[in-house]
Amino acid sequence: MGIQAALDDPRLELYAGQSLIAGNEDWSVSALASEEEVAAASAAAGCYPLEAGSKDAALLVTLKPGVYTAQVRGGTGRAGVVLLEIHEVR
């Protein structure tokens, strides 16, 4: 997408209150969903395709109605620009 000063190696975390529900770093490696499931959900939501082997972070989770917080931080500890998208996938 050409984001300038993009955050290196982002880590995405999803919280309900103070409780961590899920986290991911390197979208193609997830305990919650396979690379194929994440890619298929991304395509179904009309997102840009995630590049195989990229350091992008992504989560595929089923949530109950409620209030959640998404937090992104750099794995390297450096600052950078992040584009965070949230999509409903059915």
C-alpha atoms as a PDB file:
ATOM      1  CA  MET A   1       0.000   0.000   0.000  1.00  0.00           C
ATOM      2  CA  GLY A   2       2.964   2.282   0.260  1.00  0.00           C
ATOM      3  CA  ILE A   3       2.607   3.478   3.849  1.00  0.00           C
ATOM      4  CA  GLN A   4       5.616   5.606   4.670  1.00  0.00           C
ATOM      5  CA  ALA A   5       7.400   4.946   7.982  1.00  0.00           C
ATOM      6  CA  ALA A   6       5.372   1.761   8.528  1.00  0.00           C
ATOM      7  CA  LEU A   7       5.781   0.030  11.875  1.00  0.00           C
ATOM      8  CA  ASP A   8       8.324  -2.791  11.679  1.00  0.00           C
ATOM      9  CA  ASP A   9       7.051  -6.213  12.752  1.00  0.00           C
ATOM     10  CA  PRO A  10       3.705  -5.139  14.292  1.00  0.00           C
ATOM     11  CA  ARG A  11       2.007  -7.117  17.059  1.00  0.00           C
ATOM     12  CA  LEU A  12      -1.801  -6.940  17.215  1.00  0.00           C
ATOM     13  CA  GLU A  13      -3.569  -7.597  20.513  1.00  0.00           C
ATOM     14  CA  LEU A  14      -7.315  -7.701  21.211  1.00  0.00           C
ATOM     15  CA  TYR A  15      -8.667  -7.015  24.701  1.00  0.00           C
ATOM     16  CA  ALA A  16     -12.006  -7.204  26.501  1.00  0.00           C
ATOM     17  CA  GLY A  17     -11.459  -4.862  29.425  1.00  0.00           C
ATOM     18  CA  GLN A  18      -8.066  -5.793  30.892  1.00  0.00           C
ATOM     19  CA  SER A  19      -8.202  -9.365  29.531  1.00  0.00           C
ATOM     20  CA  LEU A  20      -6.151 -10.264  26.477  1.00  0.00           C
ATOM     21  CA  ILE A  21      -8.396 -12.295  24.154  1.00  0.00           C
ATOM     22  CA  ALA A  22      -6.002 -12.858  21.269  1.00  0.00           C
ATOM     23  CA  GLY A  23      -2.746 -11.639  19.794  1.00  0.00           C
ATOM     24  CA  ASN A  24      -0.825 -12.098  16.590  1.00  0.00           C
ATOM     25  CA  GLU A  25       2.484 -11.219  15.026  1.00  0.00           C
ATOM     26  CA  ASP A  26       3.241 -12.479  11.494  1.00  0.00           C
ATOM     27  CA  TRP A  27      -0.277 -13.159  10.168  1.00  0.00           C
ATOM     28  CA  SER A  28       0.538 -16.486   8.537  1.00  0.00           C
ATOM     29  CA  VAL A  29       1.437 -18.048  11.904  1.00  0.00           C
ATOM     30  CA  SER A  30      -1.584 -18.168  14.207  1.00  0.00           C
ATOM     31  CA  ALA A  31      -2.862 -20.500  16.893  1.00  0.00           C
ATOM     32  CA  LEU A  32      -6.437 -19.377  16.165  1.00  0.00           C
ATOM     33  CA  ALA A  33      -6.693 -19.855  12.398  1.00  0.00           C
ATOM     34  CA  SER A  34      -4.652 -21.294   9.558  1.00  0.00           C
ATOM     35  CA  GLU A  35      -2.977 -19.136   6.922  1.00  0.00           C
ATOM     36  CA  GLU A  36      -5.610 -20.318   4.438  1.00  0.00           C
ATOM     37  CA  GLU A  37      -8.495 -19.377   6.768  1.00  0.00           C
ATOM     38  CA  VAL A  38      -7.083 -15.894   7.395  1.00  0.00           C
ATOM     39  CA  ALA A  39      -6.466 -15.340   3.665  1.00  0.00           C
ATOM     40  CA  ALA A  40      -9.984 -16.555   2.760  1.00  0.00           C
ATOM     41  CA  ALA A  41     -11.613 -14.328   5.404  1.00  0.00           C
ATOM     42  CA  SER A  42      -9.538 -11.376   4.229  1.00  0.00           C
ATOM     43  CA  ALA A  43     -10.653 -11.930   0.634  1.00  0.00           C
ATOM     44  CA  ALA A  44     -14.311 -12.391   1.693  1.00  0.00           C
ATOM     45  CA  ALA A  45     -14.182  -9.037   3.512  1.00  0.00           C
ATOM     46  CA  GLY A  46     -12.764  -7.329   0.411  1.00  0.00           C
ATOM     47  CA  CYS A  47      -9.385  -6.562   1.992  1.00  0.00           C
ATOM     48  CA  TYR A  48      -6.090  -6.215   0.192  1.00  0.00           C
ATOM     49  CA  PRO A  49      -4.412  -9.636   0.059  1.00  0.00           C
ATOM     50  CA  LEU A  50      -1.820 -10.299   2.729  1.00  0.00           C
ATOM     51  CA  GLU A  51       1.601 -11.087   1.298  1.00  0.00           C
ATOM     52  CA  ALA A  52       2.839 -14.586   2.130  1.00  0.00           C
ATOM     53  CA  GLY A  53       5.657 -14.426   4.660  1.00  0.00           C
ATOM     54  CA  SER A  54       5.049 -10.758   5.485  1.00  0.00           C
ATOM     55  CA  LYS A  55       5.347  -9.363   9.007  1.00  0.00           C
ATOM     56  CA  ASP A  56       1.743  -8.075   8.927  1.00  0.00           C
ATOM     57  CA  ALA A  57      -0.423  -8.999  11.914  1.00  0.00           C
ATOM     58  CA  ALA A  58      -4.002 -10.277  11.571  1.00  0.00           C
ATOM     59  CA  LEU A  59      -6.584 -11.952  13.780  1.00  0.00           C
ATOM     60  CA  LEU A  60      -9.594 -14.047  12.838  1.00  0.00           C
ATOM     61  CA  VAL A  61     -11.784 -14.325  15.930  1.00  0.00           C
ATOM     62  CA  THR A  62     -15.436 -14.889  16.801  1.00  0.00           C
ATOM     63  CA  LEU A  63     -16.629 -12.294  19.298  1.00  0.00           C
ATOM     64  CA  LYS A  64     -19.741 -11.871  21.391  1.00  0.00           C
ATOM     65  CA  PRO A  65     -21.387  -8.421  21.278  1.00  0.00           C
ATOM     66  CA  GLY A  66     -19.476  -6.071  23.532  1.00  0.00           C
ATOM     67  CA  VAL A  67     -16.718  -3.509  23.841  1.00  0.00           C
ATOM     68  CA  TYR A  68     -13.215  -4.431  22.716  1.00  0.00           C
ATOM     69  CA  THR A  69      -9.885  -2.666  22.357  1.00  0.00           C
ATOM     70  CA  ALA A  70      -7.360  -3.375  19.613  1.00  0.00           C
ATOM     71  CA  GLN A  71      -3.762  -2.446  20.354  1.00  0.00           C
ATOM     72  CA  VAL A  72      -0.832  -2.493  17.933  1.00  0.00           C
ATOM     73  CA  ARG A  73       2.788  -2.160  18.961  1.00  0.00           C
ATOM     74  CA  GLY A  74       6.100  -2.788  17.308  1.00  0.00           C
ATOM     75  CA  GLY A  75       7.965  -5.976  18.019  1.00  0.00           C
ATOM     76  CA  THR A  76      11.228  -4.091  17.591  1.00  0.00           C
ATOM     77  CA  GLY A  77      10.259  -1.371  20.076  1.00  0.00           C
ATOM     78  CA  ARG A  78      10.465   1.326  17.402  1.00  0.00           C
ATOM     79  CA  ALA A  79       7.633   3.680  16.453  1.00  0.00           C
ATOM     80  CA  GLY A  80       5.897   3.687  13.103  1.00  0.00           C
ATOM     81  CA  VAL A  81       2.660   4.222  11.208  1.00  0.00           C
ATOM     82  CA  VAL A  82      -0.059   1.551  11.373  1.00  0.00           C
ATOM     83  CA  LEU A  83      -3.197   1.005   9.313  1.00  0.00           C
ATOM     84  CA  LEU A  84      -5.699  -0.974  11.406  1.00  0.00           C
ATOM     85  CA  GLU A  85      -8.849  -2.348   9.794  1.00  0.00           C
ATOM     86  CA  ILE A  86     -11.661  -4.262  11.468  1.00  0.00           C
ATOM     87  CA  HIS A  87     -14.096  -6.237   9.326  1.00  0.00           C
ATOM     88  CA  GLU A  88     -17.100  -8.424   9.970  1.00  0.00           C
ATOM     89  CA  VAL A  89     -16.793 -11.707   8.092  1.00  0.00           C
ATOM     90  CA  ARG A  90     -19.803 -13.963   7.684  1.00  0.00           C
END
